[in-house]
PDB file of N, CA and C in Angstrom:
ATOM      1  N   UNK A   1      -5.964  -1.512  -2.673  1.00  0.00           N
ATOM      2  CA  UNK A   1      -4.749  -0.908  -3.168  1.00  0.00           C
ATOM      3  C   UNK A   1      -4.479   0.329  -2.319  1.00  0.00           C
ATOM      4  N   UNK A   2      -3.221   0.532  -2.009  1.00  0.00           N
ATOM      5  CA  UNK A   2      -2.824   1.715  -1.250  1.00  0.00           C
ATOM      6  C   UNK A   2      -1.740   2.432  -2.037  1.00  0.00           C
ATOM      7  N   UNK A   3      -1.937   3.725  -2.248  1.00  0.00           N
ATOM      8  CA  UNK A   3      -0.934   4.560  -2.887  1.00  0.00           C
ATOM      9  C   UNK A   3      -0.329   5.428  -1.794  1.00  0.00           C
ATOM     10  N   UNK A   4       0.965   5.268  -1.576  1.00  0.00           N
ATOM     11  CA  UNK A   4       1.661   6.050  -0.557  1.00  0.00           C
ATOM     12  C   UNK A   4       2.491   7.117  -1.241  1.00  0.00           C
ATOM     13  N   UNK A   5       2.363   8.342  -0.762  1.00  0.00           N
ATOM     14  CA  UNK A   5       3.092   9.475  -1.301  1.00  0.00           C
ATOM     15  C   UNK A   5       3.744  10.228  -0.149  1.00  0.00           C
ATOM     16  N   UNK A   6       4.991  10.600  -0.350  1.00  0.00           N
ATOM     17  CA  UNK A   6       5.685  11.389   0.666  1.00  0.00           C
ATOM     18  C   UNK A   6       4.952  12.719   0.830  1.00  0.00           C
ATOM     19  N   UNK A   7       4.688  13.096   2.077  1.00  0.00           N
ATOM     20  CA  UNK A   7       3.983  14.346   2.348  1.00  0.00           C
ATOM     21  C   UNK A   7       4.816  15.549   1.920  1.00  0.00           C
ATOM     22  N   UNK A   8       4.138  16.598   1.525  1.00  0.00           N
ATOM     23  CA  UNK A   8       4.804  17.846   1.157  1.00  0.00           C
ATOM     24  C   UNK A   8       5.643  18.327   2.333  1.00  0.00           C
ATOM     25  N   UNK A   9       6.859  18.731   2.036  1.00  0.00           N
ATOM     26  CA  UNK A   9       7.755  19.257   3.058  1.00  0.00           C
ATOM     27  C   UNK A   9       8.603  18.209   3.763  1.00  0.00           C
ATOM     28  N   UNK A  10       8.310  16.939   3.527  1.00  0.00           N
ATOM     29  CA  UNK A  10       9.113  15.863   4.137  1.00  0.00           C
ATOM     30  C   UNK A  10      10.334  15.628   3.266  1.00  0.00           C
ATOM     31  N   UNK A  11      11.499  15.577   3.889  1.00  0.00           N
ATOM     32  CA  UNK A  11      12.749  15.402   3.138  1.00  0.00           C
ATOM     33  C   UNK A  11      13.067  13.918   2.948  1.00  0.00           C
ATOM     34  N   UNK A  12      13.891  13.671   1.964  1.00  0.00           N
ATOM     35  CA  UNK A  12      14.371  12.301   1.720  1.00  0.00           C
ATOM     36  C   UNK A  12      15.094  11.773   2.953  1.00  0.00           C
ATOM     37  N   UNK A  13      15.838  12.623   3.614  1.00  0.00           N
ATOM     38  CA  UNK A  13      16.583  12.212   4.808  1.00  0.00           C
ATOM     39  C   UNK A  13      15.634  11.750   5.909  1.00  0.00           C
ATOM     40  N   UNK A  14      14.522  12.437   6.082  1.00  0.00           N
ATOM     41  CA  UNK A  14      13.538  12.030   7.085  1.00  0.00           C
ATOM     42  C   UNK A  14      12.988  10.640   6.774  1.00  0.00           C
ATOM     43  N   UNK A  15      12.671  10.421   5.508  1.00  0.00           N
ATOM     44  CA  UNK A  15      12.138   9.122   5.095  1.00  0.00           C
ATOM     45  C   UNK A  15      13.197   8.037   5.272  1.00  0.00           C
ATOM     46  N   UNK A  16      14.414   8.304   4.847  1.00  0.00           N
ATOM     47  CA  UNK A  16      15.465   7.286   4.892  1.00  0.00           C
ATOM     48  C   UNK A  16      15.827   6.891   6.320  1.00  0.00           C
ATOM     49  N   UNK A  17      15.628   7.768   7.266  1.00  0.00           N
ATOM     50  CA  UNK A  17      15.889   7.442   8.668  1.00  0.00           C
ATOM     51  C   UNK A  17      14.964   6.323   9.144  1.00  0.00           C
ATOM     52  N   UNK A  18      13.748   6.310   8.627  1.00  0.00           N
ATOM     53  CA  UNK A  18      12.735   5.346   9.055  1.00  0.00           C
ATOM     54  C   UNK A  18      12.720   4.088   8.173  1.00  0.00           C
ATOM     55  N   UNK A  19      13.338   4.150   6.998  1.00  0.00           N
ATOM     56  CA  UNK A  19      13.234   3.068   6.022  1.00  0.00           C
ATOM     57  C   UNK A  19      13.686   1.693   6.515  1.00  0.00           C
ATOM     58  N   UNK A  20      14.754   1.538   7.266  1.00  0.00           N
ATOM     59  CA  UNK A  20      15.118   0.185   7.698  1.00  0.00           C
ATOM     60  C   UNK A  20      13.980  -0.520   8.461  1.00  0.00           C
ATOM     61  N   UNK A  21      13.348   0.185   9.367  1.00  0.00           N
ATOM     62  CA  UNK A  21      12.233  -0.400  10.118  1.00  0.00           C
ATOM     63  C   UNK A  21      11.026  -0.630   9.208  1.00  0.00           C
ATOM     64  N   UNK A  22      10.765   0.302   8.300  1.00  0.00           N
ATOM     65  CA  UNK A  22       9.640   0.181   7.366  1.00  0.00           C
ATOM     66  C   UNK A  22       9.821  -1.051   6.483  1.00  0.00           C
ATOM     67  N   UNK A  23      11.026  -1.231   5.963  1.00  0.00           N
ATOM     68  CA  UNK A  23      11.300  -2.369   5.084  1.00  0.00           C
ATOM     69  C   UNK A  23      11.119  -3.683   5.834  1.00  0.00           C
ATOM     70  N   UNK A  24      11.652  -3.774   7.033  1.00  0.00           N
ATOM     71  CA  UNK A  24      11.504  -5.017   7.809  1.00  0.00           C
ATOM     72  C   UNK A  24      10.029  -5.359   8.022  1.00  0.00           C
ATOM     73  N   UNK A  25       9.236  -4.363   8.374  1.00  0.00           N
ATOM     74  CA  UNK A  25       7.828  -4.635   8.644  1.00  0.00           C
ATOM     75  C   UNK A  25       7.038  -4.943   7.374  1.00  0.00           C
ATOM     76  N   UNK A  26       7.360  -4.273   6.264  1.00  0.00           N
ATOM     77  CA  UNK A  26       6.639  -4.581   5.027  1.00  0.00           C
ATOM     78  C   UNK A  26       7.019  -5.958   4.500  1.00  0.00           C
ATOM     79  N   UNK A  27       8.255  -6.370   4.672  1.00  0.00           N
ATOM     80  CA  UNK A  27       8.646  -7.729   4.272  1.00  0.00           C
ATOM     81  C   UNK A  27       7.875  -8.753   5.109  1.00  0.00           C
ATOM     82  N   UNK A  28       7.727  -8.504   6.399  1.00  0.00           N
ATOM     83  CA  UNK A  28       6.934  -9.403   7.247  1.00  0.00           C
ATOM     84  C   UNK A  28       5.482  -9.474   6.753  1.00  0.00           C
ATOM     85  N   UNK A  29       4.922  -8.334   6.372  1.00  0.00           N
ATOM     86  CA  UNK A  29       3.555  -8.330   5.842  1.00  0.00           C
ATOM     87  C   UNK A  29       3.462  -9.104   4.537  1.00  0.00           C
ATOM     88  N   UNK A  30       4.490  -8.995   3.698  1.00  0.00           N
ATOM     89  CA  UNK A  30       4.520  -9.757   2.453  1.00  0.00           C
ATOM     90  C   UNK A  30       4.598 -11.255   2.750  1.00  0.00           C
ATOM     91  N   UNK A  31       5.492 -11.637   3.640  1.00  0.00           N
ATOM     92  CA  UNK A  31       5.668 -13.051   3.971  1.00  0.00           C
ATOM     93  C   UNK A  31       4.431 -13.639   4.647  1.00  0.00           C
ATOM     94  N   UNK A  32       3.664 -12.814   5.340  1.00  0.00           N
ATOM     95  CA  UNK A  32       2.441 -13.293   5.988  1.00  0.00           C
ATOM     96  C   UNK A  32       1.229 -13.266   5.048  1.00  0.00           C
ATOM     97  N   UNK A  33       1.424 -12.772   3.815  1.00  0.00           N
ATOM     98  CA  UNK A  33       0.346 -12.768   2.828  1.00  0.00           C
ATOM     99  C   UNK A  33      -0.530 -11.531   2.824  1.00  0.00           C
ATOM    100  N   UNK A  34      -0.228 -10.549   3.649  1.00  0.00           N
ATOM    101  CA  UNK A  34      -1.045  -9.329   3.673  1.00  0.00           C
ATOM    102  C   UNK A  34      -0.720  -8.394   2.520  1.00  0.00           C
ATOM    103  N   UNK A  35       0.544  -8.342   2.101  1.00  0.00           N
ATOM    104  CA  UNK A  35       0.925  -7.582   0.902  1.00  0.00           C
ATOM    105  C   UNK A  35       1.082  -8.589  -0.224  1.00  0.00           C
ATOM    106  N   UNK A  36       0.289  -8.430  -1.278  1.00  0.00           N
ATOM    107  CA  UNK A  36       0.378  -9.348  -2.426  1.00  0.00           C
ATOM    108  C   UNK A  36       1.411  -8.883  -3.444  1.00  0.00           C
ATOM    109  N   UNK A  37       1.387  -7.578  -3.711  1.00  0.00           N
ATOM    110  CA  UNK A  37       2.312  -7.014  -4.693  1.00  0.00           C
ATOM    111  C   UNK A  37       2.713  -5.632  -4.207  1.00  0.00           C
ATOM    112  N   UNK A  38       3.924  -5.198  -4.625  1.00  0.00           N
ATOM    113  CA  UNK A  38       4.376  -3.859  -4.265  1.00  0.00           C
ATOM    114  C   UNK A  38       5.204  -3.296  -5.409  1.00  0.00           C
ATOM    115  N   UNK A  39       5.035  -2.020  -5.620  1.00  0.00           N
ATOM    116  CA  UNK A  39       5.681  -1.329  -6.734  1.00  0.00           C
ATOM    117  C   UNK A  39       6.195   0.026  -6.268  1.00  0.00           C
ATOM    118  N   UNK A  40       7.295   0.464  -6.868  1.00  0.00           N
ATOM    119  CA  UNK A  40       7.762   1.836  -6.670  1.00  0.00           C
ATOM    120  C   UNK A  40       6.969   2.742  -7.593  1.00  0.00           C
ATOM    121  N   UNK A  41       6.648   3.914  -7.120  1.00  0.00           N
ATOM    122  CA  UNK A  41       6.015   4.893  -7.984  1.00  0.00           C
ATOM    123  C   UNK A  41       7.037   5.393  -8.994  1.00  0.00           C
ATOM    124  N   UNK A  42       6.611   5.624 -10.210  1.00  0.00           N
ATOM    125  CA  UNK A  42       7.498   6.093 -11.263  1.00  0.00           C
ATOM    126  C   UNK A  42       8.090   7.461 -10.989  1.00  0.00           C
ATOM    127  N   UNK A  43       7.403   8.269 -10.172  1.00  0.00           N
ATOM    128  CA  UNK A  43       7.906   9.603  -9.867  1.00  0.00           C
ATOM    129  C   UNK A  43       8.852   9.610  -8.667  1.00  0.00           C
ATOM    130  N   UNK A  44       9.086   8.433  -8.062  1.00  0.00           N
ATOM    131  CA  UNK A  44      10.018   8.334  -6.944  1.00  0.00           C
ATOM    132  C   UNK A  44       9.492   8.873  -5.623  1.00  0.00           C
ATOM    133  N   UNK A  45       8.201   9.189  -5.562  1.00  0.00           N
ATOM    134  CA  UNK A  45       7.644   9.818  -4.352  1.00  0.00           C
ATOM    135  C   UNK A  45       6.921   8.839  -3.445  1.00  0.00           C
ATOM    136  N   UNK A  46       7.030   7.544  -3.682  1.00  0.00           N
ATOM    137  CA  UNK A  46       6.342   6.599  -2.811  1.00  0.00           C
ATOM    138  C   UNK A  46       6.205   5.243  -3.452  1.00  0.00           C
ATOM    139  N   UNK A  47       5.182   4.508  -3.001  1.00  0.00           N
ATOM    140  CA  UNK A  47       4.959   3.148  -3.484  1.00  0.00           C
ATOM    141  C   UNK A  47       3.464   2.900  -3.671  1.00  0.00           C
ATOM    142  N   UNK A  48       3.173   1.809  -4.382  1.00  0.00           N
ATOM    143  CA  UNK A  48       1.818   1.313  -4.545  1.00  0.00           C
ATOM    144  C   UNK A  48       1.824  -0.125  -4.040  1.00  0.00           C
ATOM    145  N   UNK A  49       0.909  -0.431  -3.123  1.00  0.00           N
ATOM    146  CA  UNK A  49       0.814  -1.771  -2.555  1.00  0.00           C
ATOM    147  C   UNK A  49      -0.555  -2.365  -2.862  1.00  0.00           C
ATOM    148  N   UNK A  50      -0.572  -3.632  -3.238  1.00  0.00           N
ATOM    149  CA  UNK A  50      -1.823  -4.371  -3.351  1.00  0.00           C
ATOM    150  C   UNK A  50      -1.903  -5.259  -2.123  1.00  0.00           C
ATOM    151  N   UNK A  51      -2.910  -5.003  -1.292  1.00  0.00           N
ATOM    152  CA  UNK A  51      -3.054  -5.724  -0.039  1.00  0.00           C
ATOM    153  C   UNK A  51      -4.132  -6.793  -0.148  1.00  0.00           C
ATOM    154  N   UNK A  52      -3.980  -7.853   0.618  1.00  0.00           N
ATOM    155  CA  UNK A  52      -4.983  -8.905   0.724  1.00  0.00           C
ATOM    156  C   UNK A  52      -5.756  -8.668   2.015  1.00  0.00           C
ATOM    157  N   UNK A  53      -6.799  -7.839   1.918  1.00  0.00           N
ATOM    158  CA  UNK A  53      -7.619  -7.507   3.083  1.00  0.00           C
ATOM    159  C   UNK A  53      -9.089  -7.650   2.708  1.00  0.00           C
ATOM    160  N   UNK A  54      -9.924  -7.744   3.716  1.00  0.00           N
ATOM    161  CA  UNK A  54     -11.349  -7.900   3.455  1.00  0.00           C
ATOM    162  C   UNK A  54     -12.037  -6.567   3.151  1.00  0.00           C
ATOM    163  N   UNK A  55     -11.421  -5.467   3.600  1.00  0.00           N
ATOM    164  CA  UNK A  55     -12.009  -4.153   3.342  1.00  0.00           C
ATOM    165  C   UNK A  55     -10.958  -3.062   3.563  1.00  0.00           C
ATOM    166  N   UNK A  56     -11.355  -1.830   3.238  1.00  0.00           N
ATOM    167  CA  UNK A  56     -10.444  -0.691   3.362  1.00  0.00           C
ATOM    168  C   UNK A  56     -10.057  -0.455   4.821  1.00  0.00           C
ATOM    169  N   UNK A  57     -10.991  -0.676   5.734  1.00  0.00           N
ATOM    170  CA  UNK A  57     -10.694  -0.457   7.159  1.00  0.00           C
ATOM    171  C   UNK A  57      -9.539  -1.347   7.618  1.00  0.00           C
ATOM    172  N   UNK A  58      -9.523  -2.598   7.174  1.00  0.00           N
ATOM    173  CA  UNK A  58      -8.419  -3.497   7.536  1.00  0.00           C
ATOM    174  C   UNK A  58      -7.110  -3.004   6.925  1.00  0.00           C
ATOM    175  N   UNK A  59      -7.162  -2.538   5.683  1.00  0.00           N
ATOM    176  CA  UNK A  59      -5.963  -2.002   5.032  1.00  0.00           C
ATOM    177  C   UNK A  59      -5.441  -0.785   5.794  1.00  0.00           C
ATOM    178  N   UNK A  60      -6.336   0.087   6.219  1.00  0.00           N
ATOM    179  CA  UNK A  60      -5.927   1.268   6.988  1.00  0.00           C
ATOM    180  C   UNK A  60      -5.257   0.864   8.301  1.00  0.00           C
ATOM    181  N   UNK A  61      -5.802  -0.119   8.973  1.00  0.00           N
ATOM    182  CA  UNK A  61      -5.216  -0.598  10.233  1.00  0.00           C
ATOM    183  C   UNK A  61      -3.802  -1.114  10.011  1.00  0.00           C
ATOM    184  N   UNK A  62      -3.614  -1.878   8.957  1.00  0.00           N
ATOM    185  CA  UNK A  62      -2.285  -2.418   8.645  1.00  0.00           C
ATOM    186  C   UNK A  62      -1.312  -1.283   8.352  1.00  0.00           C
ATOM    187  N   UNK A  63      -1.719  -0.374   7.474  1.00  0.00           N
ATOM    188  CA  UNK A  63      -0.812   0.682   7.036  1.00  0.00           C
ATOM    189  C   UNK A  63      -0.485   1.657   8.157  1.00  0.00           C
ATOM    190  N   UNK A  64      -1.435   1.949   9.012  1.00  0.00           N
ATOM    191  CA  UNK A  64      -1.202   2.896  10.103  1.00  0.00           C
ATOM    192  C   UNK A  64      -0.250   2.326  11.158  1.00  0.00           C
ATOM    193  N   UNK A  65      -0.040   1.020  11.139  1.00  0.00           N
ATOM    194  CA  UNK A  65       0.892   0.397  12.063  1.00  0.00           C
ATOM    195  C   UNK A  65       2.341   0.442  11.612  1.00  0.00           C
ATOM    196  N   UNK A  66       2.581   0.897  10.391  1.00  0.00           N
ATOM    197  CA  UNK A  66       3.944   0.935   9.860  1.00  0.00           C
ATOM    198  C   UNK A  66       4.682   2.203  10.309  1.00  0.00           C
ATOM    199  N   UNK A  67       6.012   2.117  10.388  1.00  0.00           N
ATOM    200  CA  UNK A  67       6.813   3.243  10.901  1.00  0.00           C
ATOM    201  C   UNK A  67       6.627   4.571  10.167  1.00  0.00           C
ATOM    202  N   UNK A  68       6.544   4.559   8.836  1.00  0.00           N
ATOM    203  CA  UNK A  68       6.388   5.823   8.107  1.00  0.00           C
ATOM    204  C   UNK A  68       5.060   6.495   8.462  1.00  0.00           C
ATOM    205  N   UNK A  69       4.016   5.695   8.654  1.00  0.00           N
ATOM    206  CA  UNK A  69       2.725   6.259   9.049  1.00  0.00           C
ATOM    207  C   UNK A  69       2.781   6.781  10.481  1.00  0.00           C
ATOM    208  N   UNK A  70       3.430   6.036  11.352  1.00  0.00           N
ATOM    209  CA  UNK A  70       3.530   6.464  12.747  1.00  0.00           C
ATOM    210  C   UNK A  70       4.295   7.780  12.873  1.00  0.00           C
ATOM    211  N   UNK A  71       5.255   8.009  11.969  1.00  0.00           N
ATOM    212  CA  UNK A  71       6.006   9.258  11.964  1.00  0.00           C
ATOM    213  C   UNK A  71       5.293  10.350  11.160  1.00  0.00           C
ATOM    214  N   UNK A  72       4.128  10.017  10.571  1.00  0.00           N
ATOM    215  CA  UNK A  72       3.311  10.953   9.789  1.00  0.00           C
ATOM    216  C   UNK A  72       4.091  11.549   8.616  1.00  0.00           C
ATOM    217  N   UNK A  73       4.821  10.675   7.906  1.00  0.00           N
ATOM    218  CA  UNK A  73       5.637  11.125   6.784  1.00  0.00           C
ATOM    219  C   UNK A  73       4.981  10.880   5.422  1.00  0.00           C
ATOM    220  N   UNK A  74       3.931  10.073   5.387  1.00  0.00           N
ATOM    221  CA  UNK A  74       3.331   9.683   4.116  1.00  0.00           C
ATOM    222  C   UNK A  74       1.837   9.962   4.109  1.00  0.00           C
ATOM    223  N   UNK A  75       1.327  10.280   2.916  1.00  0.00           N
ATOM    224  CA  UNK A  75      -0.109  10.318   2.678  1.00  0.00           C
ATOM    225  C   UNK A  75      -0.503   8.964   2.107  1.00  0.00           C
ATOM    226  N   UNK A  76      -1.670   8.480   2.492  1.00  0.00           N
ATOM    227  CA  UNK A  76      -2.169   7.192   2.021  1.00  0.00           C
ATOM    228  C   UNK A  76      -3.481   7.401   1.280  1.00  0.00           C
ATOM    229  N   UNK A  77      -3.583   6.839   0.094  1.00  0.00           N
ATOM    230  CA  UNK A  77      -4.842   6.839  -0.648  1.00  0.00           C
ATOM    231  C   UNK A  77      -5.271   5.389  -0.802  1.00  0.00           C
ATOM    232  N   UNK A  78      -6.449   5.069  -0.299  1.00  0.00           N
ATOM    233  CA  UNK A  78      -6.956   3.703  -0.320  1.00  0.00           C
ATOM    234  C   UNK A  78      -8.005   3.562  -1.412  1.00  0.00           C
ATOM    235  N   UNK A  79      -7.869   2.520  -2.224  1.00  0.00           N
ATOM    236  CA  UNK A  79      -8.820   2.253  -3.296  1.00  0.00           C
ATOM    237  C   UNK A  79      -9.174   0.771  -3.234  1.00  0.00           C
ATOM    238  N   UNK A  80     -10.446   0.476  -2.972  1.00  0.00           N
ATOM    239  CA  UNK A  80     -10.891  -0.915  -2.969  1.00  0.00           C
ATOM    240  C   UNK A  80     -10.911  -1.421  -4.410  1.00  0.00           C
ATOM    241  N   UNK A  81     -10.335  -2.588  -4.640  1.00  0.00           N
ATOM    242  CA  UNK A  81     -10.320  -3.191  -5.971  1.00  0.00           C
ATOM    243  C   UNK A  81     -10.819  -4.625  -5.868  1.00  0.00           C
ATOM    244  N   UNK A  82     -11.275  -5.151  -6.981  1.00  0.00           N
ATOM    245  CA  UNK A  82     -11.768  -6.519  -7.038  1.00  0.00           C
ATOM    246  C   UNK A  82     -11.804  -6.986  -8.474  1.00  0.00           C
ATOM    247  N   UNK A  83     -12.441  -8.122  -8.690  1.00  0.00           N
ATOM    248  CA  UNK A  83     -12.514  -8.661 -10.054  1.00  0.00           C
ATOM    249  C   UNK A  83     -13.208  -7.692 -11.003  1.00  0.00           C
ATOM    250  N   UNK A  84     -12.848  -7.758 -12.264  1.00  0.00           N
ATOM    251  CA  UNK A  84     -13.471  -6.934 -13.301  1.00  0.00           C
ATOM    252  C   UNK A  84     -14.836  -7.550 -13.632  1.00  0.00           C
ATOM    253  N   UNK A  85     -15.876  -6.998 -13.064  1.00  0.00           N
ATOM    254  CA  UNK A  85     -17.210  -7.603 -13.125  1.00  0.00           C
ATOM    255  C   UNK A  85     -17.783  -7.761 -14.532  1.00  0.00           C
ATOM    256  N   UNK A  86     -17.522  -6.856 -15.474  1.00  0.00           N
ATOM    257  CA  UNK A  86     -18.077  -7.068 -16.814  1.00  0.00           C
ATOM    258  C   UNK A  86     -17.604  -8.361 -17.488  1.00  0.00           C
ATOM    259  N   UNK A  87     -16.533  -8.953 -16.997  1.00  0.00           N
ATOM    260  CA  UNK A  87     -16.087 -10.221 -17.580  1.00  0.00           C
ATOM    261  C   UNK A  87     -17.130 -11.321 -17.421  1.00  0.00           C
ATOM    262  N   UNK A  88     -18.057 -11.146 -16.472  1.00  0.00           N
ATOM    263  CA  UNK A  88     -19.140 -12.129 -16.300  1.00  0.00           C
ATOM    264  C   UNK A  88     -19.980 -12.253 -17.559  1.00  0.00           C
ATOM    265  N   UNK A  89     -20.058 -11.188 -18.334  1.00  0.00           N
ATOM    266  CA  UNK A  89     -20.819 -11.227 -19.576  1.00  0.00           C
ATOM    267  C   UNK A  89     -20.261 -12.256 -20.549  1.00  0.00           C
ATOM    268  N   UNK A  90     -18.962 -12.501 -20.485  1.00  0.00           N
ATOM    269  CA  UNK A  90     -18.346 -13.496 -21.354  1.00  0.00           C
ATOM    270  C   UNK A  90     -18.784 -14.908 -20.996  1.00  0.00           C
ATOM    271  N   UNK A  91     -19.222 -15.100 -19.756  1.00  0.00           N
ATOM    272  CA  UNK A  91     -19.602 -16.422 -19.289  1.00  0.00           C
ATOM    273  C   UNK A  91     -21.093 -16.705 -19.515  1.00  0.00           C
ATOM    274  N   UNK A  92     -21.856 -15.687 -19.927  1.00  0.00           N
ATOM    275  CA  UNK A  92     -23.293 -15.866 -20.153  1.00  0.00           C
ATOM    276  C   UNK A  92     -23.542 -16.714 -21.394  1.00  0.00           C
ATOM    277  N   UNK A  93     -24.604 -17.478 -21.388  1.00  0.00           N
ATOM    278  CA  UNK A  93     -24.971 -18.280 -22.566  1.00  0.00           C
ATOM    279  C   UNK A  93     -25.432 -17.348 -23.678  1.00  0.00           C
ATOM    280  N   UNK A  94     -25.005 -17.634 -24.917  1.00  0.00           N
ATOM    281  CA  UNK A  94     -25.433 -16.772 -26.047  1.00  0.00           C
ATOM    282  C   UNK A  94     -26.916 -16.891 -26.340  1.00  0.00           C
TER     283      UNK A  94
END
């Protein structure tokens, strides 16, 4: 999971200048299966993406290739997620 937040001091105008290219590239990532889900942040300061990657390093490589990252306009927080492991207890024999 990647949480993207607009960096302090970056204006909406700066972000919007880059958005057409950002949108095109993120749609390509979605169509290629690298982005599974995407959401707008409720505070309007960025997005949350669920990526289909093998590890955080691969997610960082993908995200750093996008226009907003190349322009250094966003902060990225990476969180590795996976299956909820305690659910295995439900599958154990009583």
